[in-house]
Amino acid sequence: MAKLYLLLGVAVALLVGLLALFSSLSPREFEVNYTLSVIFRSPEGVEKFDLGWMVVGLGRENYTMAVIRHSGVEIEVFDATEGGKEYSSICALGRCVKDPSVRGEVDLRNIKVKDVGVVGRCRHLGYEGEIYRGEGVFDLGMLSEVAKSQGVELNATVSGELCVAGDLVLWAREVYMFSADGKKMSLEVVINASKIGAYSVERYREILQKAKTG
């Protein structure tokens, strides 16, 4: 189970980073609520579960809050920018860690893209967009070395699709292929926009405070 959490955390972080990459150059201000779900496949079988939710605000400053729940454990993630600086904290089991080192290791600059392109059209929440499909390989640096000591190979291949309407990511489905103890397994992480609304200065301030202080 500990290995599953490790894989899950990395996969979600990579997907959130990819979402931020698509939206980071947006000239508009908006807020999007997403649901998170996961399909875990291993030689032992298939497990499907709802993972939680995430709210992302893009504007004069950016903010993200995610709540991940599984098997009675709740993890809260706070991330916000201020004046060109980024602040993050992760809270679980009554403890918070500011600026977690894993954040620096999960970097989209470490992805080697094999292929990406538009493969069709999509529609979600009344918005029409294009479906992007791509494949790549992530090098997770020191995080990968730490994982190896636990029998987990984290230099993952990834394939997936995103529905993008202009500067909005409406949904994304990413499949990450890993190996643990010599066994092939995969995580399919799915996010779906559930609500699109106005940028919230009040929510930004709340998340920034949490990101700074934990």
Foldseek 3Di string as FASTA:
>chain_A
DVLVVLLVVLVVLLVVQVLCVLQVPDADWKKFKKWKWKWKWFPVGIDTDTFFIKMWIYDPKIWIWTWGDDPHKIKIKIWIDDPRDIFIWIDTPHDIDIPDPQNVLSDPVQKDWDDKDWDAWDADPRAIFTKMKTKIWGDRPPSQVVVVVVQKHDRWIKIWIFGDRNSDTAKIWMKIWIDGNRTIMIMIMIMGTDDMGGGDPVVNVVSVVVRHPD
